[in-house]
Amino acid sequence: MYEHFFQCPYCWEEISMLMDPSVSKQTYVEDCEVCCNPVEITPQFQDNELVAFEAVDIEQ
């Protein structure tokens, strides 16, 4: 597993997320562990290294 730290697009708190680098590109939604709002996560891995990451609000 790969741990990545980033800011929540709602509350701006730093949170961490564990991601599976065996899947090269994925998109999923997880709730922020601080404010509980849904965040769309899009990580991209190449050779088990994180090469791109996006965390955006889903504008509910």
PDB file of N, CA and C in Angstrom:
ATOM      1  N   MET A   1       0.846  -1.185   0.000  1.00  0.00           N
ATOM      2  CA  MET A   1       0.000   0.000   0.000  1.00  0.00           C
ATOM      3  C   MET A   1       0.890   1.246   0.000  1.00  0.00           C
ATOM      4  N   TYR A   2       0.341   2.307  -0.546  1.00  0.00           N
ATOM      5  CA  TYR A   2       1.064   3.572  -0.683  1.00  0.00           C
ATOM      6  C   TYR A   2       0.288   4.640   0.097  1.00  0.00           C
ATOM      7  N   GLU A   3       0.937   5.330   1.034  1.00  0.00           N
ATOM      8  CA  GLU A   3       0.280   6.389   1.798  1.00  0.00           C
ATOM      9  C   GLU A   3       0.600   7.744   1.183  1.00  0.00           C
ATOM     10  N   HIS A   4      -0.445   8.542   0.977  1.00  0.00           N
ATOM     11  CA  HIS A   4      -0.276   9.867   0.386  1.00  0.00           C
ATOM     12  C   HIS A   4      -1.020  10.886   1.241  1.00  0.00           C
ATOM     13  N   PHE A   5      -0.396  12.035   1.487  1.00  0.00           N
ATOM     14  CA  PHE A   5      -0.995  13.123   2.262  1.00  0.00           C
ATOM     15  C   PHE A   5      -1.425  14.227   1.308  1.00  0.00           C
ATOM     16  N   PHE A   6      -2.604  14.811   1.562  1.00  0.00           N
ATOM     17  CA  PHE A   6      -3.124  15.890   0.724  1.00  0.00           C
ATOM     18  C   PHE A   6      -4.127  16.710   1.516  1.00  0.00           C
ATOM     19  N   GLN A   7      -4.523  17.866   0.968  1.00  0.00           N
ATOM     20  CA  GLN A   7      -5.509  18.726   1.632  1.00  0.00           C
ATOM     21  C   GLN A   7      -6.910  18.404   1.127  1.00  0.00           C
ATOM     22  N   CYS A   8      -7.845  18.333   2.058  1.00  0.00           N
ATOM     23  CA  CYS A   8      -9.249  18.145   1.706  1.00  0.00           C
ATOM     24  C   CYS A   8      -9.727  19.390   0.953  1.00  0.00           C
ATOM     25  N   PRO A   9     -10.451  19.221  -0.174  1.00  0.00           N
ATOM     26  CA  PRO A   9     -10.942  20.382  -0.915  1.00  0.00           C
ATOM     27  C   PRO A   9     -12.102  21.115  -0.234  1.00  0.00           C
ATOM     28  N   TYR A  10     -12.617  20.576   0.867  1.00  0.00           N
ATOM     29  CA  TYR A  10     -13.696  21.234   1.616  1.00  0.00           C
ATOM     30  C   TYR A  10     -13.162  21.980   2.837  1.00  0.00           C
ATOM     31  N   CYS A  11     -12.469  21.247   3.719  1.00  0.00           N
ATOM     32  CA  CYS A  11     -12.065  21.838   5.005  1.00  0.00           C
ATOM     33  C   CYS A  11     -10.592  22.241   5.029  1.00  0.00           C
ATOM     34  N   TRP A  12      -9.843  21.906   4.020  1.00  0.00           N
ATOM     35  CA  TRP A  12      -8.434  22.250   3.853  1.00  0.00           C
ATOM     36  C   TRP A  12      -7.508  21.610   4.886  1.00  0.00           C
ATOM     37  N   GLU A  13      -8.018  20.649   5.648  1.00  0.00           N
ATOM     38  CA  GLU A  13      -7.173  19.918   6.591  1.00  0.00           C
ATOM     39  C   GLU A  13      -6.332  18.894   5.830  1.00  0.00           C
ATOM     40  N   GLU A  14      -5.129  18.642   6.329  1.00  0.00           N
ATOM     41  CA  GLU A  14      -4.290  17.612   5.718  1.00  0.00           C
ATOM     42  C   GLU A  14      -4.775  16.245   6.175  1.00  0.00           C
ATOM     43  N   ILE A  15      -5.012  15.373   5.220  1.00  0.00           N
ATOM     44  CA  ILE A  15      -5.436  14.009   5.519  1.00  0.00           C
ATOM     45  C   ILE A  15      -4.539  13.051   4.746  1.00  0.00           C
ATOM     46  N   SER A  16      -4.557  11.801   5.132  1.00  0.00           N
ATOM     47  CA  SER A  16      -3.767  10.800   4.424  1.00  0.00           C
ATOM     48  C   SER A  16      -4.691   9.713   3.905  1.00  0.00           C
ATOM     49  N   MET A  17      -4.223   9.042   2.881  1.00  0.00           N
ATOM     50  CA  MET A  17      -5.013   7.989   2.270  1.00  0.00           C
ATOM     51  C   MET A  17      -4.076   6.865   1.854  1.00  0.00           C
ATOM     52  N   LEU A  18      -4.496   5.632   2.076  1.00  0.00           N
ATOM     53  CA  LEU A  18      -3.752   4.474   1.611  1.00  0.00           C
ATOM     54  C   LEU A  18      -4.299   4.068   0.253  1.00  0.00           C
ATOM     55  N   MET A  19      -3.400   3.898  -0.716  1.00  0.00           N
ATOM     56  CA  MET A  19      -3.810   3.539  -2.075  1.00  0.00           C
ATOM     57  C   MET A  19      -3.038   2.313  -2.531  1.00  0.00           C
ATOM     58  N   ASP A  20      -3.630   1.572  -3.447  1.00  0.00           N
ATOM     59  CA  ASP A  20      -3.034   0.359  -3.990  1.00  0.00           C
ATOM     60  C   ASP A  20      -2.284   0.691  -5.280  1.00  0.00           C
ATOM     61  N   PRO A  21      -0.945   0.647  -5.288  1.00  0.00           N
ATOM     62  CA  PRO A  21      -0.195   0.997  -6.494  1.00  0.00           C
ATOM     63  C   PRO A  21      -0.231  -0.064  -7.591  1.00  0.00           C
ATOM     64  N   SER A  22      -0.838  -1.230  -7.319  1.00  0.00           N
ATOM     65  CA  SER A  22      -0.907  -2.270  -8.352  1.00  0.00           C
ATOM     66  C   SER A  22      -1.924  -1.935  -9.442  1.00  0.00           C
ATOM     67  N   VAL A  23      -2.820  -0.968  -9.171  1.00  0.00           N
ATOM     68  CA  VAL A  23      -3.778  -0.491 -10.171  1.00  0.00           C
ATOM     69  C   VAL A  23      -3.243   0.836 -10.689  1.00  0.00           C
ATOM     70  N   SER A  24      -2.878   0.884 -11.979  1.00  0.00           N
ATOM     71  CA  SER A  24      -2.156   2.052 -12.492  1.00  0.00           C
ATOM     72  C   SER A  24      -2.964   3.342 -12.464  1.00  0.00           C
ATOM     73  N   LYS A  25      -4.260   3.293 -12.795  1.00  0.00           N
ATOM     74  CA  LYS A  25      -5.097   4.502 -12.749  1.00  0.00           C
ATOM     75  C   LYS A  25      -6.472   4.115 -12.232  1.00  0.00           C
ATOM     76  N   GLN A  26      -6.981   4.901 -11.307  1.00  0.00           N
ATOM     77  CA  GLN A  26      -8.279   4.608 -10.702  1.00  0.00           C
ATOM     78  C   GLN A  26      -8.957   5.897 -10.272  1.00  0.00           C
ATOM     79  N   THR A  27     -10.266   5.848 -10.138  1.00  0.00           N
ATOM     80  CA  THR A  27     -11.045   6.973  -9.619  1.00  0.00           C
ATOM     81  C   THR A  27     -12.081   6.404  -8.667  1.00  0.00           C
ATOM     82  N   TYR A  28     -12.171   6.992  -7.491  1.00  0.00           N
ATOM     83  CA  TYR A  28     -13.155   6.559  -6.509  1.00  0.00           C
ATOM     84  C   TYR A  28     -13.482   7.709  -5.577  1.00  0.00           C
ATOM     85  N   VAL A  29     -14.512   7.533  -4.763  1.00  0.00           N
ATOM     86  CA  VAL A  29     -14.965   8.563  -3.829  1.00  0.00           C
ATOM     87  C   VAL A  29     -14.785   8.039  -2.407  1.00  0.00           C
ATOM     88  N   GLU A  30     -14.163   8.872  -1.564  1.00  0.00           N
ATOM     89  CA  GLU A  30     -14.027   8.566  -0.142  1.00  0.00           C
ATOM     90  C   GLU A  30     -14.365   9.806   0.652  1.00  0.00           C
ATOM     91  N   ASP A  31     -14.921   9.605   1.834  1.00  0.00           N
ATOM     92  CA  ASP A  31     -15.242  10.728   2.710  1.00  0.00           C
ATOM     93  C   ASP A  31     -13.989  11.220   3.414  1.00  0.00           C
ATOM     94  N   CYS A  32     -13.893  12.540   3.571  1.00  0.00           N
ATOM     95  CA  CYS A  32     -12.804  13.141   4.333  1.00  0.00           C
ATOM     96  C   CYS A  32     -12.912  12.648   5.777  1.00  0.00           C
ATOM     97  N   GLU A  33     -11.783  12.269   6.359  1.00  0.00           N
ATOM     98  CA  GLU A  33     -11.803  11.769   7.740  1.00  0.00           C
ATOM     99  C   GLU A  33     -12.002  12.874   8.764  1.00  0.00           C
ATOM    100  N   VAL A  34     -11.917  14.146   8.349  1.00  0.00           N
ATOM    101  CA  VAL A  34     -12.105  15.272   9.262  1.00  0.00           C
ATOM    102  C   VAL A  34     -13.532  15.821   9.158  1.00  0.00           C
ATOM    103  N   CYS A  35     -13.952  16.216   7.947  1.00  0.00           N
ATOM    104  CA  CYS A  35     -15.258  16.872   7.789  1.00  0.00           C
ATOM    105  C   CYS A  35     -16.344  15.956   7.210  1.00  0.00           C
ATOM    106  N   CYS A  36     -15.980  14.761   6.799  1.00  0.00           N
ATOM    107  CA  CYS A  36     -16.915  13.733   6.300  1.00  0.00           C
ATOM    108  C   CYS A  36     -17.547  14.053   4.943  1.00  0.00           C
ATOM    109  N   ASN A  37     -17.080  15.068   4.237  1.00  0.00           N
ATOM    110  CA  ASN A  37     -17.594  15.355   2.902  1.00  0.00           C
ATOM    111  C   ASN A  37     -16.954  14.415   1.888  1.00  0.00           C
ATOM    112  N   PRO A  38     -17.681  14.063   0.806  1.00  0.00           N
ATOM    113  CA  PRO A  38     -17.150  13.139  -0.198  1.00  0.00           C
ATOM    114  C   PRO A  38     -16.125  13.820  -1.103  1.00  0.00           C
ATOM    115  N   VAL A  39     -15.012  13.125  -1.313  1.00  0.00           N
ATOM    116  CA  VAL A  39     -13.921  13.635  -2.135  1.00  0.00           C
ATOM    117  C   VAL A  39     -13.655  12.617  -3.245  1.00  0.00           C
ATOM    118  N   GLU A  40     -13.613  13.100  -4.493  1.00  0.00           N
ATOM    119  CA  GLU A  40     -13.271  12.219  -5.610  1.00  0.00           C
ATOM    120  C   GLU A  40     -11.753  12.155  -5.725  1.00  0.00           C
ATOM    121  N   ILE A  41     -11.222  10.948  -5.628  1.00  0.00           N
ATOM    122  CA  ILE A  41      -9.785  10.709  -5.630  1.00  0.00           C
ATOM    123  C   ILE A  41      -9.391  10.052  -6.952  1.00  0.00           C
ATOM    124  N   THR A  42      -8.360  10.603  -7.616  1.00  0.00           N
ATOM    125  CA  THR A  42      -7.861  10.019  -8.859  1.00  0.00           C
ATOM    126  C   THR A  42      -6.339   9.931  -8.788  1.00  0.00           C
ATOM    127  N   PRO A  43      -5.820   8.782  -8.331  1.00  0.00           N
ATOM    128  CA  PRO A  43      -4.378   8.585  -8.340  1.00  0.00           C
ATOM    129  C   PRO A  43      -3.943   7.848  -9.618  1.00  0.00           C
ATOM    130  N   GLN A  44      -2.698   8.084 -10.034  1.00  0.00           N
ATOM    131  CA  GLN A  44      -2.138   7.361 -11.173  1.00  0.00           C
ATOM    132  C   GLN A  44      -0.729   6.912 -10.790  1.00  0.00           C
ATOM    133  N   PHE A  45      -0.470   5.616 -10.965  1.00  0.00           N
ATOM    134  CA  PHE A  45       0.817   5.033 -10.605  1.00  0.00           C
ATOM    135  C   PHE A  45       1.541   4.537 -11.846  1.00  0.00           C
ATOM    136  N   GLN A  46       2.865   4.615 -11.789  1.00  0.00           N
ATOM    137  CA  GLN A  46       3.708   4.047 -12.835  1.00  0.00           C
ATOM    138  C   GLN A  46       4.896   3.400 -12.133  1.00  0.00           C
ATOM    139  N   ASP A  47       5.097   2.126 -12.358  1.00  0.00           N
ATOM    140  CA  ASP A  47       6.164   1.367 -11.699  1.00  0.00           C
ATOM    141  C   ASP A  47       6.091   1.516 -10.180  1.00  0.00           C
ATOM    142  N   ASN A  48       4.884   1.409  -9.645  1.00  0.00           N
ATOM    143  CA  ASN A  48       4.607   1.502  -8.202  1.00  0.00           C
ATOM    144  C   ASN A  48       4.943   2.848  -7.586  1.00  0.00           C
ATOM    145  N   GLU A  49       5.115   3.885  -8.391  1.00  0.00           N
ATOM    146  CA  GLU A  49       5.343   5.247  -7.909  1.00  0.00           C
ATOM    147  C   GLU A  49       4.159   6.124  -8.299  1.00  0.00           C
ATOM    148  N   LEU A  50       3.732   6.979  -7.409  1.00  0.00           N
ATOM    149  CA  LEU A  50       2.639   7.903  -7.681  1.00  0.00           C
ATOM    150  C   LEU A  50       3.144   8.998  -8.629  1.00  0.00           C
ATOM    151  N   VAL A  51       2.534   9.087  -9.823  1.00  0.00           N
ATOM    152  CA  VAL A  51       2.969  10.080 -10.800  1.00  0.00           C
ATOM    153  C   VAL A  51       1.944  11.198 -10.981  1.00  0.00           C
ATOM    154  N   ALA A  52       0.705  10.976 -10.554  1.00  0.00           N
ATOM    155  CA  ALA A  52      -0.338  12.018 -10.633  1.00  0.00           C
ATOM    156  C   ALA A  52      -1.359  11.739  -9.529  1.00  0.00           C
ATOM    157  N   PHE A  53      -1.917  12.827  -8.983  1.00  0.00           N
ATOM    158  CA  PHE A  53      -2.919  12.696  -7.929  1.00  0.00           C
ATOM    159  C   PHE A  53      -3.845  13.892  -7.986  1.00  0.00           C
ATOM    160  N   GLU A  54      -5.143  13.621  -7.882  1.00  0.00           N
ATOM    161  CA  GLU A  54      -6.133  14.700  -7.851  1.00  0.00           C
ATOM    162  C   GLU A  54      -7.180  14.354  -6.801  1.00  0.00           C
ATOM    163  N   ALA A  55      -7.534  15.337  -5.994  1.00  0.00           N
ATOM    164  CA  ALA A  55      -8.595  15.195  -4.993  1.00  0.00           C
ATOM    165  C   ALA A  55      -9.508  16.399  -5.151  1.00  0.00           C
ATOM    166  N   VAL A  56     -10.745  16.161  -5.586  1.00  0.00           N
ATOM    167  CA  VAL A  56     -11.667  17.267  -5.862  1.00  0.00           C
ATOM    168  C   VAL A  56     -12.992  17.033  -5.137  1.00  0.00           C
ATOM    169  N   ASP A  57     -13.689  18.149  -4.831  1.00  0.00           N
ATOM    170  CA  ASP A  57     -15.021  18.011  -4.246  1.00  0.00           C
ATOM    171  C   ASP A  57     -15.978  17.558  -5.337  1.00  0.00           C
ATOM    172  N   ILE A  58     -17.069  16.927  -4.949  1.00  0.00           N
ATOM    173  CA  ILE A  58     -18.015  16.443  -5.952  1.00  0.00           C
ATOM    174  C   ILE A  58     -19.254  17.324  -6.034  1.00  0.00           C
ATOM    175  N   GLU A  59     -19.151  18.523  -5.474  1.00  0.00           N
ATOM    176  CA  GLU A  59     -20.172  19.576  -5.596  1.00  0.00           C
ATOM    177  C   GLU A  59     -21.595  19.067  -5.356  1.00  0.00           C
ATOM    178  N   GLN A  60     -21.820  18.673  -4.132  1.00  0.00           N
ATOM    179  CA  GLN A  60     -23.169  18.214  -3.792  1.00  0.00           C
ATOM    180  C   GLN A  60     -24.087  19.382  -3.548  1.00  0.00           C
TER     181      GLN A  60
END
